[in-house]
Every structure is written in C-alpha cells, then in structure tokens.
C-alpha cells in the first residue's frame, strides 16, 4: 500500500477530540465572564462556537498532513504540521488491530483503527477514520485480514465458542463496578468552579459546619460516585461478547462507541481473576487479560469477561481460552508463623489512630477500636488468601489487598521472577515470590516458606530453559 490519506471524516473526528479537550475551559471561562457581565448563557454559546471553529480548523489541517502506508519495512504513519512525527511498526511486531465505531464514525460509515504493537502499552498508531474497504485492505497488508468484524465473521460467529454478557449480568456488573475514584476530578473541578464563579466565601459556605452536615455531604459524594460508576460501566460493557476465532480472541463491547479487538492468543501472557470487595461475598469475579500492547489501556480494554461466577471461571476459560485454563491443584499457603507478619502492617497504624482519637476526643474516641478490628480482619484475610503453585506449565499466584486476585501465567513466558527476603524474614525461614508478565504487571506473594520459594524458582528456571 502506497502512502494514503485518511477519510475526510478524520477531520471531523479530530475536531471533536480537540473540542472535548477544550470543553471544560470554554465553559468555565464563559460562565465566569458571564457572571460578571450578567449574561452567562450568550457567552457560553459564543465561546462554544469559537471553540468549535478553532477545533474544526485544527482537524482539517491535521487531516491534510496525515498519511499512512505499508511496505516491506512495516506500517508507516506520518502526522503533524509544525512538529512532524513519523512512526513505523514492523509487520511482525503488530499485536493486533482494534476497531472503534463512535457516533461520528457511524454517521460517515467509517471506522477508527488502533494498531497495537507487541511490547507497547497502548495503541501505537491510531488512524481516526478509514473507509471499510481501506480498513480491510490495511488488515490484509498487515497479514491480519479478518482481524476486524466483517459480515462473514458475523455469520460464522455462531459456530465458534462464544460468551455474551446478558442484560441481567450487565446490570450486576454496573451495580458492583465500584469505581468510586471517578468522582474525584469532578469534585475538584466543581470546587474550583465555585471558587472562581462566586468567590472563596461562597465556596467555603458549601463546606458543612456540623458532623451531620459532613456525613450528609460524604453520603452525597458516595452516591454521585456510584451513579457515575454505574453509568460508565453500562457504557463500557454494553453488548460485551468474547469469541474464540482460531488463534485469536475477538472482543466486542461498548454502547456509544462500539469497540472490536482481535487479540492473538499466542501473545496473551496471563489471565487474572479479580474479586472486588463488592463481588467476592456473592462469589463473583472479573476476568482480565495480561497481554503486551494493552498494559496501559483502560480497564475495559483488558477485560476478558466483566462478570462471572468464580466457580464458573474455569469453565469459561476452558471454552474460549483453554491455554490459560485454571489449574485444579491446591495452592501452597504461608505457614502459621507468618500470620503476624500479615496482621501487623495494617493493624499498627490503626492502633496509632485509635490512640490519638482517644487522646483527643476521650470516650467517643473509643470507636477507633472498630478500625483496629477491621485492620486485624484484613490482615487475617490477606494471610488466608495468599498462596502459590506451579502445575501444568502454569504458575498461579494469589494475593489480597482489599479484593482478592489470582494470576494464572504461562511459566515459560514470564518476563522476570523475583525472590525477596529481609533480615527478619531470613531468620524466620520465609521469603517472597513475585513474577512479572509482558503487560508490565508484577504480582508477588509474601512470607512463604523459603524452601517452597526456592523449589518453585528451580522449577521455573528449568521450564524457561
């Protein structure tokens, strides 16, 4: 394929992307200026039109200078007017080609392609808008014909192992997503907006002066965070389908933006079973992929299946990804003498906080003992969850922070293996075992018997050879 230009819809897609980045500054500037002039609505409209015009001009300029092509050296991508950037990915290093269809792409009948490179962390090359014919030709040139979702692929999908997320499972997924952190930037922006718009006095007036008011504000923030988490999970995982297609996994998901990824099975280094605190009491978990090229992508892009019963996880993996089927062998747990080493780290600061609370508040500070009890329970849970095993060429590590996660990795394809110990753990005959996989993830289990760790390391070294 000689050098080609993207579809003209790329100019609109680029403008929309720039406008999203300018949206918050435009609205804040318009409202602050409008509050002083007494006409905020007209200024919002005026600033919005000006920002849209600027973004569209930038999108057209970017489209005119952007080129892509494939030759014997690989895929080439050139972009930028004042600062020219050129990226080349050798064909043999292409991890996969992901397809995105947002509202703009569907309106113009085009697709956006993300070319993933082995060893990369996210899409190395993003082609904002290609016609269906150009996209198919690019995949063929990259020897990845059929990596996207064509009509023939859709017709044949029923004959392949496939698992879909039902409407009920989607609702439970969103209900237990628990991404409370999404509210923090919103709260920070809102507080800054109130300070700029109405002055610091008005912003301070929003801070409650009583304990009841503070609890009400905290509850409101938690509810808002849960609502945002619920909506974002629905948007990300609606229509989630995973299909085994020969030597590839096809993953389709998304409500507003339909995303389709074709991931080579040979480049999947590990699978994680993640049991969050909201899901573990109900025996539910999420399956995540660890693969080179997707390490820095959002959580949804690394999801093999967003909700599955822990007891059924092995069955799902056996159907769509038998190469990483969960071993049935029991894990080797830390010895009883390691229990206090799991309990002390969370319990010590909790005891300190409880003592300070009693010293400052007197009798009511005794409620801090509940924090100590929770910290001790967390330490015990971490001890009971920890374990490691090596069977059937797969290494299995399990640990807990708040939630519990289990890593199942191909023992022959580990990036590194770590053995850790301190002066104190050496005297106790304990050591830690950690492994790293191609996505950049490192997971370790602490305070195992030193002989167990040394034995696992020797077996891993033999498998690597």
Protein backbone atom coordinates (compact mmCIF):
# COMPACT_ATOMS: atom_id res chain seq x y z
CA UNK A 1 0.00 0.00 0.00
CA UNK A 2 1.39 3.39 -1.03
CA UNK A 3 1.03 6.48 1.13
CA UNK A 4 -2.62 7.30 1.60
CA UNK A 5 -4.72 9.95 3.25
CA UNK A 6 -7.38 9.18 5.83
CA UNK A 7 -11.08 9.56 5.07
CA UNK A 8 -12.24 13.22 5.31
CA UNK A 9 -14.30 12.22 8.34
CA UNK A 10 -10.96 12.18 10.19
CA UNK A 11 -11.07 15.98 10.17
CA UNK A 12 -14.42 15.94 11.98
CA UNK A 13 -13.27 13.23 14.41
CA UNK A 14 -10.09 15.18 15.16
CA UNK A 15 -12.09 18.37 15.70
CA UNK A 16 -14.45 16.56 18.08
CA UNK A 17 -11.48 15.23 20.05
CA UNK A 18 -9.95 18.71 20.32
CA UNK A 19 -13.31 20.19 21.29
CA UNK A 20 -13.69 17.67 24.12
CA UNK A 21 -10.37 18.83 25.49
CA UNK A 22 -11.44 22.48 25.25
CA UNK A 23 -14.97 21.97 26.62
CA UNK A 24 -14.25 22.49 30.33
CA UNK A 25 -12.01 25.57 29.88
CA UNK A 26 -14.54 27.11 27.47
CA UNK A 27 -17.49 26.60 29.83
CA UNK A 28 -15.60 27.85 32.88
CA UNK A 29 -14.28 30.93 31.07
CA UNK A 30 -17.72 31.70 29.66
CA UNK A 31 -19.53 31.29 32.96
CA UNK A 32 -17.00 33.28 34.96
CA UNK A 33 -17.06 36.13 32.43
CA UNK A 34 -20.82 35.85 32.07
CA UNK A 35 -21.35 36.07 35.84
CA UNK A 36 -19.53 39.40 35.85
CA UNK A 37 -21.30 40.77 32.76
CA UNK A 38 -24.73 39.40 33.71
CA UNK A 39 -25.24 37.30 30.53
CA UNK A 40 -23.59 33.88 31.04
CA UNK A 41 -25.73 31.93 28.52
CA UNK A 42 -24.81 34.06 25.50
CA UNK A 43 -21.14 33.90 26.42
CA UNK A 44 -21.31 30.09 26.68
CA UNK A 45 -22.81 29.95 23.17
CA UNK A 46 -20.28 32.44 21.80
CA UNK A 47 -17.29 30.71 23.36
CA UNK A 48 -18.63 27.32 22.23
CA UNK A 49 -18.96 28.43 18.60
CA UNK A 50 -15.49 29.96 18.67
CA UNK A 51 -14.03 26.77 20.17
CA UNK A 52 -15.83 24.61 17.58
CA UNK A 53 -14.48 26.74 14.73
CA UNK A 54 -10.93 26.56 16.07
CA UNK A 55 -11.19 22.79 16.61
CA UNK A 56 -12.57 22.24 13.09
CA UNK A 57 -9.77 24.25 11.50
CA UNK A 58 -7.24 22.25 13.51
CA UNK A 59 -8.91 19.00 12.46
CA UNK A 60 -8.80 19.92 8.76
CA UNK A 61 -5.14 20.93 8.97
CA UNK A 62 -4.24 17.70 10.75
CA UNK A 63 -6.12 15.66 8.15
CA UNK A 64 -4.33 17.28 5.20
CA UNK A 65 -0.86 16.39 6.51
CA UNK A 66 -1.56 12.90 7.89
CA UNK A 67 -0.51 9.87 5.82
CA UNK A 68 -0.18 6.12 6.29
CA UNK A 69 1.14 3.22 4.20
CA UNK A 70 2.53 -0.30 4.31
CA UNK A 71 5.70 -1.58 2.59
CA UNK A 72 8.29 -4.30 3.17
CA UNK A 73 9.56 -2.43 6.25
CA UNK A 74 6.20 -2.23 8.03
CA UNK A 75 3.35 0.16 8.70
CA UNK A 76 4.26 3.85 8.44
CA UNK A 77 2.28 6.72 9.94
CA UNK A 78 3.20 10.40 9.49
CA UNK A 79 1.38 13.33 11.08
CA UNK A 80 1.91 16.87 12.30
CA UNK A 81 2.48 20.18 10.51
CA UNK A 82 4.90 22.20 12.62
CA UNK A 83 6.19 19.19 14.54
CA UNK A 84 6.39 16.27 12.14
CA UNK A 85 6.13 12.81 13.68
CA UNK A 86 6.69 9.54 11.85
CA UNK A 87 6.06 6.10 13.37
CA UNK A 88 6.94 2.73 11.85
CA UNK A 89 5.87 -0.66 13.19
CA UNK A 90 7.39 -3.76 11.56
CA UNK A 91 4.67 -6.14 10.38
CA UNK A 92 5.94 -8.96 12.57
CA UNK A 93 5.61 -6.69 15.65
CA UNK A 94 1.92 -5.93 15.11
CA UNK A 95 -0.01 -7.25 18.11
CA UNK A 96 -3.48 -6.64 16.70
CA UNK A 97 -5.78 -4.16 15.03
CA UNK A 98 -8.66 -2.86 17.15
CA UNK A 99 -11.73 -1.23 15.63
CA UNK A 100 -13.70 1.66 17.12
CA UNK A 101 -17.06 2.88 15.80
CA UNK A 102 -18.27 6.00 17.57
CA UNK A 103 -21.28 8.16 16.67
CA UNK A 104 -19.22 10.21 14.18
CA UNK A 105 -17.81 7.08 12.53
CA UNK A 106 -21.24 5.51 12.19
CA UNK A 107 -22.62 8.73 10.69
CA UNK A 108 -19.93 8.72 7.97
CA UNK A 109 -19.77 4.93 7.55
CA UNK A 110 -16.09 4.73 8.57
CA UNK A 111 -14.05 3.06 11.32
CA UNK A 112 -11.17 4.06 13.56
CA UNK A 113 -8.26 1.63 13.78
CA UNK A 114 -5.86 1.24 16.71
CA UNK A 115 -2.75 -0.70 15.74
CA UNK A 116 -1.24 -2.42 18.78
CA UNK A 117 2.47 -3.26 18.78
CA UNK A 118 3.98 -6.14 20.75
CA UNK A 119 5.82 -4.71 23.73
CA UNK A 120 3.83 -1.47 23.61
CA UNK A 121 1.46 -0.23 26.28
CA UNK A 122 -1.44 1.11 24.19
CA UNK A 123 -2.36 1.84 20.58
CA UNK A 124 0.93 2.79 18.90
CA UNK A 125 -0.78 4.07 15.74
CA UNK A 126 -4.32 5.47 15.67
CA UNK A 127 -5.98 6.05 12.29
CA UNK A 128 -9.04 8.14 13.11
CA UNK A 129 -11.16 7.42 10.05
CA UNK A 130 -10.85 4.84 7.27
CA UNK A 131 -13.45 3.53 4.90
CA UNK A 132 -14.39 -0.13 5.35
CA UNK A 133 -12.57 -1.04 2.13
CA UNK A 134 -9.38 0.76 3.18
CA UNK A 135 -9.53 -0.84 6.63
CA UNK A 136 -9.87 -4.33 5.14
CA UNK A 137 -7.02 -3.64 2.72
CA UNK A 138 -4.81 -2.46 5.57
CA UNK A 139 -5.50 -5.60 7.58
CA UNK A 140 -4.70 -7.74 4.56
CA UNK A 141 -1.45 -5.85 4.02
CA UNK A 142 -0.55 -6.46 7.65
CA UNK A 143 -1.39 -10.16 7.25
CA UNK A 144 -4.24 -9.64 9.68
CA UNK A 145 -7.12 -10.00 7.24
CA UNK A 146 -10.29 -10.60 9.14
CA UNK A 147 -8.99 -9.07 12.38
CA UNK A 148 -11.92 -6.67 12.33
CA UNK A 149 -15.58 -7.59 12.29
CA UNK A 150 -16.85 -8.12 8.77
CA UNK A 151 -20.10 -9.58 7.57
CA UNK A 152 -18.62 -13.03 7.01
CA UNK A 153 -17.16 -13.03 10.50
CA UNK A 154 -20.55 -12.16 11.96
CA UNK A 155 -22.21 -15.00 10.05
CA UNK A 156 -19.68 -17.58 11.19
CA UNK A 157 -19.52 -16.40 14.81
CA UNK A 158 -22.28 -18.78 15.90
CA UNK A 159 -20.10 -21.82 15.10
CA UNK A 160 -17.28 -20.59 17.36
CA UNK A 161 -17.02 -20.75 21.15
CA UNK A 162 -18.69 -17.57 22.31
CA UNK A 163 -19.88 -15.98 25.55
CA UNK A 164 -22.18 -12.94 25.76
CA UNK A 165 -22.93 -10.68 28.70
CA UNK A 166 -26.67 -10.79 29.33
CA UNK A 167 -28.76 -7.77 30.32
CA UNK A 168 -29.00 -9.04 33.90
CA UNK A 169 -25.25 -9.61 34.09
CA UNK A 170 -24.64 -6.13 32.69
CA UNK A 171 -26.83 -4.62 35.42
CA UNK A 172 -24.95 -6.53 38.16
CA UNK A 173 -21.62 -5.58 36.55
CA UNK A 174 -22.54 -1.89 36.70
CA UNK A 175 -24.00 -2.22 40.20
CA UNK A 176 -20.78 -3.72 41.59
CA UNK A 177 -18.24 -1.87 39.43
CA UNK A 178 -17.14 0.20 42.44
CA UNK A 179 -15.06 2.79 40.54
CA UNK A 180 -15.51 5.44 43.24
CA UNK A 181 -12.42 7.31 42.08
CA UNK A 182 -14.20 8.68 39.01
CA UNK A 183 -15.87 11.34 41.19
CA UNK A 184 -12.65 12.89 42.49
CA UNK A 185 -11.78 15.01 39.39
CA UNK A 186 -15.42 16.13 39.22
CA UNK A 187 -15.43 17.22 42.87
CA UNK A 188 -12.12 19.06 42.42
CA UNK A 189 -13.35 20.84 39.29
CA UNK A 190 -16.65 21.75 40.97
CA UNK A 191 -14.92 23.27 43.97
CA UNK A 192 -12.59 25.28 41.75
CA UNK A 193 -15.53 26.43 39.64
CA UNK A 194 -17.44 27.59 42.72
CA UNK A 195 -14.37 29.47 43.92
CA UNK A 196 -13.88 31.22 40.55
CA UNK A 197 -17.53 31.93 39.92
CA UNK A 198 -18.78 33.11 43.29
CA UNK A 199 -15.63 33.78 45.30
CA UNK A 200 -13.88 31.88 48.05
CA UNK A 201 -16.50 32.88 50.61
CA UNK A 202 -19.26 31.11 48.71
CA UNK A 203 -17.03 28.07 48.21
CA UNK A 204 -16.35 27.89 51.94
CA UNK A 205 -20.09 28.17 52.57
CA UNK A 206 -20.50 24.81 50.83
CA UNK A 207 -18.37 23.14 53.50
CA UNK A 208 -20.65 21.83 56.27
CA UNK A 209 -20.08 23.13 59.79
CA UNK A 210 -21.57 20.17 61.67
CA UNK A 211 -20.85 16.48 61.88
CA UNK A 212 -24.30 15.67 60.48
CA UNK A 213 -23.71 18.01 57.56
CA UNK A 214 -20.32 16.44 56.87
CA UNK A 215 -21.85 12.95 56.90
CA UNK A 216 -24.61 14.10 54.55
CA UNK A 217 -22.06 15.61 52.16
CA UNK A 218 -19.96 12.42 52.26
CA UNK A 219 -23.07 10.33 51.54
CA UNK A 220 -23.99 12.59 48.61
CA UNK A 221 -20.48 12.27 47.15
CA UNK A 222 -20.58 8.47 47.51
CA UNK A 223 -23.99 8.26 45.83
CA UNK A 224 -22.81 10.53 42.99
CA UNK A 225 -19.66 8.42 42.59
CA UNK A 226 -21.69 5.21 42.48
CA UNK A 227 -24.05 6.72 39.89
CA UNK A 228 -21.13 7.78 37.67
CA UNK A 229 -19.52 4.36 38.09
CA UNK A 230 -22.82 2.65 37.19
CA UNK A 231 -23.28 4.71 34.02
CA UNK A 232 -19.65 4.35 32.92
CA UNK A 233 -19.83 0.56 33.33
CA UNK A 234 -23.02 0.40 31.24
CA UNK A 235 -21.39 2.50 28.51
CA UNK A 236 -18.18 0.44 28.54
CA UNK A 237 -19.57 -3.11 28.74
CA UNK A 238 -22.93 -2.99 26.92
CA UNK A 239 -23.08 -5.73 24.28
CA UNK A 240 -19.93 -7.42 25.61
CA UNK A 241 -19.10 -10.55 23.62
CA UNK A 242 -15.97 -12.69 23.59
CA UNK A 243 -15.47 -15.21 20.76
CA UNK A 244 -12.69 -17.69 20.09
CA UNK A 245 -11.81 -17.45 16.40
CA UNK A 246 -8.98 -19.88 15.67
CA UNK A 247 -5.82 -18.36 17.09
CA UNK A 248 -7.48 -15.09 18.08
CA UNK A 249 -9.88 -13.80 20.66
CA UNK A 250 -12.46 -11.34 19.37
CA UNK A 251 -13.83 -8.98 22.00
CA UNK A 252 -16.72 -6.61 21.19
CA UNK A 253 -18.13 -4.08 23.65
CA UNK A 254 -19.45 -0.56 24.09
CA UNK A 255 -22.70 1.39 23.95
CA UNK A 256 -21.80 4.77 22.44
CA UNK A 257 -18.55 3.55 20.89
CA UNK A 258 -18.56 0.01 19.56
CA UNK A 259 -15.07 -1.39 20.07
CA UNK A 260 -13.82 -4.59 18.47
CA UNK A 261 -10.45 -6.11 19.29
CA UNK A 262 -8.75 -9.16 17.81
CA UNK A 263 -6.09 -10.40 20.23
CA UNK A 264 -3.63 -13.15 19.20
CA UNK A 265 -3.90 -15.97 21.73
CA UNK A 266 -0.17 -16.63 21.45
CA UNK A 267 0.56 -13.18 22.87
CA UNK A 268 -1.67 -13.47 25.92
CA UNK A 269 0.77 -13.88 28.76
CA UNK A 270 -1.61 -14.36 31.68
CA UNK A 271 -5.16 -14.16 32.98
CA UNK A 272 -6.24 -12.56 36.24
CA UNK A 273 -9.31 -13.45 38.29
CA UNK A 274 -10.22 -10.26 40.18
CA UNK A 275 -12.69 -10.50 43.06
CA UNK A 276 -13.52 -7.00 44.29
CA UNK A 277 -14.86 -6.42 47.85
CA UNK A 278 -18.35 -5.82 46.41
CA UNK A 279 -18.32 -9.01 44.34
CA UNK A 280 -16.48 -11.56 46.46
CA UNK A 281 -19.29 -12.01 49.04
CA UNK A 282 -21.55 -13.10 46.16
CA UNK A 283 -18.97 -15.41 44.58
CA UNK A 284 -18.49 -13.11 41.56
CA UNK A 285 -15.32 -12.01 39.79
CA UNK A 286 -13.96 -10.34 36.67
CA UNK A 287 -11.54 -11.98 34.22
CA UNK A 288 -8.78 -9.77 32.84
CA UNK A 289 -6.18 -10.36 30.15
CA UNK A 290 -2.50 -9.55 30.54
CA UNK A 291 -1.04 -9.05 27.07
CA UNK A 292 1.76 -6.97 25.60
CA UNK A 293 0.31 -3.96 23.85
CA UNK A 294 -2.59 -3.45 26.27
CA UNK A 295 -0.76 -2.77 29.54
CA UNK A 296 -1.67 0.94 29.74
CA UNK A 297 -5.10 0.70 28.14
CA UNK A 298 -8.22 1.34 30.24
CA UNK A 299 -9.51 -1.48 32.40
CA UNK A 300 -12.34 -2.29 29.98
CA UNK A 301 -9.85 -2.87 27.14
CA UNK A 302 -8.09 -5.53 29.24
CA UNK A 303 -11.26 -7.37 30.24
CA UNK A 304 -11.77 -10.94 29.08
CA UNK A 305 -15.20 -11.08 30.72
CA UNK A 306 -16.61 -8.45 33.11
CA UNK A 307 -18.68 -10.71 35.38
CA UNK A 308 -18.51 -14.42 36.04
CA UNK A 309 -19.14 -16.69 38.99
CA UNK A 310 -15.83 -17.78 40.47
CA UNK A 311 -16.86 -21.43 40.23
CA UNK A 312 -17.67 -20.96 36.54
CA UNK A 313 -14.46 -19.09 35.66
CA UNK A 314 -12.65 -22.32 34.79
CA UNK A 315 -15.49 -23.40 32.52
CA UNK A 316 -15.45 -20.07 30.64
CA UNK A 317 -11.67 -20.21 30.20
CA UNK A 318 -11.85 -23.81 29.02
CA UNK A 319 -14.29 -22.75 26.30
CA UNK A 320 -12.65 -19.58 24.92
CA UNK A 321 -9.07 -19.69 26.24
CA UNK A 322 -8.05 -23.25 27.22
CA UNK A 323 -4.36 -22.26 27.03
CA UNK A 324 -4.89 -20.44 30.34
CA UNK A 325 -7.40 -22.75 31.99
CA UNK A 326 -7.36 -22.58 35.78
CA UNK A 327 -5.30 -25.42 37.30
CA UNK A 328 -7.09 -27.64 39.80
CA UNK A 329 -4.07 -28.13 42.08
CA UNK A 330 -4.26 -26.55 45.54
CA UNK A 331 -2.09 -23.53 46.31
CA UNK A 332 0.72 -23.63 48.86
CA UNK A 333 -0.17 -21.16 51.62
CA UNK A 334 2.13 -19.27 54.03
CA UNK A 335 2.94 -21.14 57.26
CA UNK A 336 1.11 -20.26 60.53
CA UNK A 337 4.13 -18.34 61.86
CA UNK A 338 3.68 -15.85 59.01
CA UNK A 339 0.23 -14.78 60.25
CA UNK A 340 1.51 -11.98 62.46
CA UNK A 341 3.52 -10.58 59.56
CA UNK A 342 0.27 -10.17 57.63
CA UNK A 343 -1.65 -8.70 60.58
CA UNK A 344 0.88 -6.18 61.94
CA UNK A 345 1.27 -3.89 58.86
CA UNK A 346 -2.41 -2.86 58.70
CA UNK A 347 -3.03 -3.15 62.48
CA UNK A 348 -0.14 -0.97 63.71
CA UNK A 349 -1.28 2.31 62.07
CA UNK A 350 -4.89 1.53 63.05
CA UNK A 351 -3.85 1.22 66.72
CA UNK A 352 -1.97 4.53 66.45
CA UNK A 353 -5.05 6.27 65.00
CA UNK A 354 -7.26 4.79 67.76
CA UNK A 355 -4.89 6.02 70.50
CA UNK A 356 -4.84 9.53 69.01
CA UNK A 357 -8.64 9.51 68.77
CA UNK A 358 -8.97 8.53 72.45
CA UNK A 359 -6.44 11.18 73.49
CA UNK A 360 -8.22 13.92 71.56
CA UNK A 361 -11.90 13.01 71.94
CA UNK A 362 -11.88 10.97 75.12
CA UNK A 363 -14.58 8.33 75.45
CA UNK A 364 -16.08 8.82 71.95
CA UNK A 365 -12.63 8.14 70.52
CA UNK A 366 -13.06 4.55 71.60
CA UNK A 367 -14.93 3.98 68.36
CA UNK A 368 -11.46 3.91 66.84
CA UNK A 369 -11.20 0.34 68.15
CA UNK A 370 -13.52 -0.65 65.30
CA UNK A 371 -10.80 0.49 62.92
CA UNK A 372 -8.32 -1.75 64.73
CA UNK A 373 -10.68 -4.72 64.45
CA UNK A 374 -11.17 -4.07 60.73
CA UNK A 375 -7.39 -3.85 60.20
CA UNK A 376 -6.82 -7.15 62.02
CA UNK A 377 -9.57 -8.81 59.97
CA UNK A 378 -7.95 -7.50 56.78
CA UNK A 379 -4.57 -8.91 57.80
CA UNK A 380 -6.08 -12.32 58.54
CA UNK A 381 -7.93 -12.27 55.20
CA UNK A 382 -4.68 -11.46 53.39
CA UNK A 383 -2.97 -14.37 55.11
CA UNK A 384 -5.72 -16.80 54.20
CA UNK A 385 -5.84 -15.64 50.57
CA UNK A 386 -2.10 -15.82 49.87
CA UNK A 387 -0.73 -18.80 48.01
CA UNK A 388 1.33 -20.04 45.06
CA UNK A 389 1.53 -23.11 42.83
CA UNK A 390 3.20 -24.35 39.67
CA UNK A 391 1.38 -27.01 37.68
CA UNK A 392 0.89 -27.98 34.04
CA UNK A 393 3.38 -25.32 32.94
CA UNK A 394 1.35 -22.53 34.59
CA UNK A 395 2.31 -20.54 37.65
CA UNK A 396 -0.54 -19.44 39.91
CA UNK A 397 -0.19 -16.65 42.48
CA UNK A 398 -2.97 -15.37 44.72
CA UNK A 399 -2.95 -12.33 46.97
CA UNK A 400 -5.31 -9.83 48.56
CA UNK A 401 -5.19 -6.10 49.03
CA UNK A 402 -8.82 -5.19 49.64
CA UNK A 403 -10.12 -7.51 46.94
CA UNK A 404 -8.58 -10.85 46.03
CA UNK A 405 -6.83 -11.52 42.73
CA UNK A 406 -5.43 -14.68 41.22
CA UNK A 407 -2.84 -14.63 38.43
CA UNK A 408 -2.51 -17.59 36.05
CA UNK A 409 0.52 -17.17 33.80
CA UNK A 410 2.44 -19.29 31.30
CA UNK A 411 5.55 -20.23 33.28
CA UNK A 412 7.67 -20.30 30.09
CA UNK A 413 6.85 -16.71 29.13
CA UNK A 414 7.42 -14.78 32.35
CA UNK A 415 9.34 -11.53 31.95
CA UNK A 416 11.06 -11.88 35.32
CA UNK A 417 10.87 -13.82 38.58
CA UNK A 418 11.71 -12.18 41.91
CA UNK A 419 12.71 -13.64 45.26
CA UNK A 420 12.62 -11.28 48.22
CA UNK A 421 13.61 -11.51 51.84
CA UNK A 422 14.78 -9.28 54.67
CA UNK A 423 17.00 -9.95 57.68
CA UNK A 424 13.93 -10.72 59.79
CA UNK A 425 12.22 -12.98 57.26
CA UNK A 426 15.50 -14.79 56.59
CA UNK A 427 15.77 -15.65 60.28
CA UNK A 428 12.18 -16.89 60.19
CA UNK A 429 12.83 -19.03 57.12
CA UNK A 430 10.39 -17.03 54.97
CA UNK A 431 10.69 -15.45 51.54
CA UNK A 432 8.50 -13.72 48.94
CA UNK A 433 7.88 -14.82 45.36
CA UNK A 434 6.99 -12.40 42.58
CA UNK A 435 6.55 -12.71 38.83
CA UNK A 436 6.25 -10.16 36.02
CA UNK A 437 4.38 -10.65 32.75
CA UNK A 438 4.54 -8.96 29.36
CA UNK A 439 1.85 -6.36 30.11
CA UNK A 440 4.07 -4.86 32.82
CA UNK A 441 2.11 -6.34 35.71
CA UNK A 442 4.09 -7.67 38.67
CA UNK A 443 2.35 -9.74 41.34
CA UNK A 444 4.01 -11.17 44.44
CA UNK A 445 3.09 -13.36 47.39
CA UNK A 446 4.83 -12.65 50.68
CA UNK A 447 6.07 -14.78 53.55
CA UNK A 448 6.02 -18.24 52.01
CA UNK A 449 8.31 -20.98 53.29
CA UNK A 450 11.78 -20.27 51.94
CA UNK A 451 12.17 -23.85 50.79
CA UNK A 452 8.89 -23.63 48.86
CA UNK A 453 10.04 -20.44 47.11
CA UNK A 454 13.43 -21.93 46.24
CA UNK A 455 11.75 -25.05 44.86
CA UNK A 456 9.37 -23.02 42.70
CA UNK A 457 12.26 -20.90 41.40
CA UNK A 458 14.23 -24.00 40.43
CA UNK A 459 11.25 -25.46 38.56
CA UNK A 460 10.58 -22.12 36.81
CA UNK A 461 14.21 -21.94 35.72
CA UNK A 462 14.00 -25.46 34.27
CA UNK A 463 10.83 -24.57 32.35
CA UNK A 464 12.46 -21.41 30.99
CA UNK A 465 15.36 -23.47 29.65
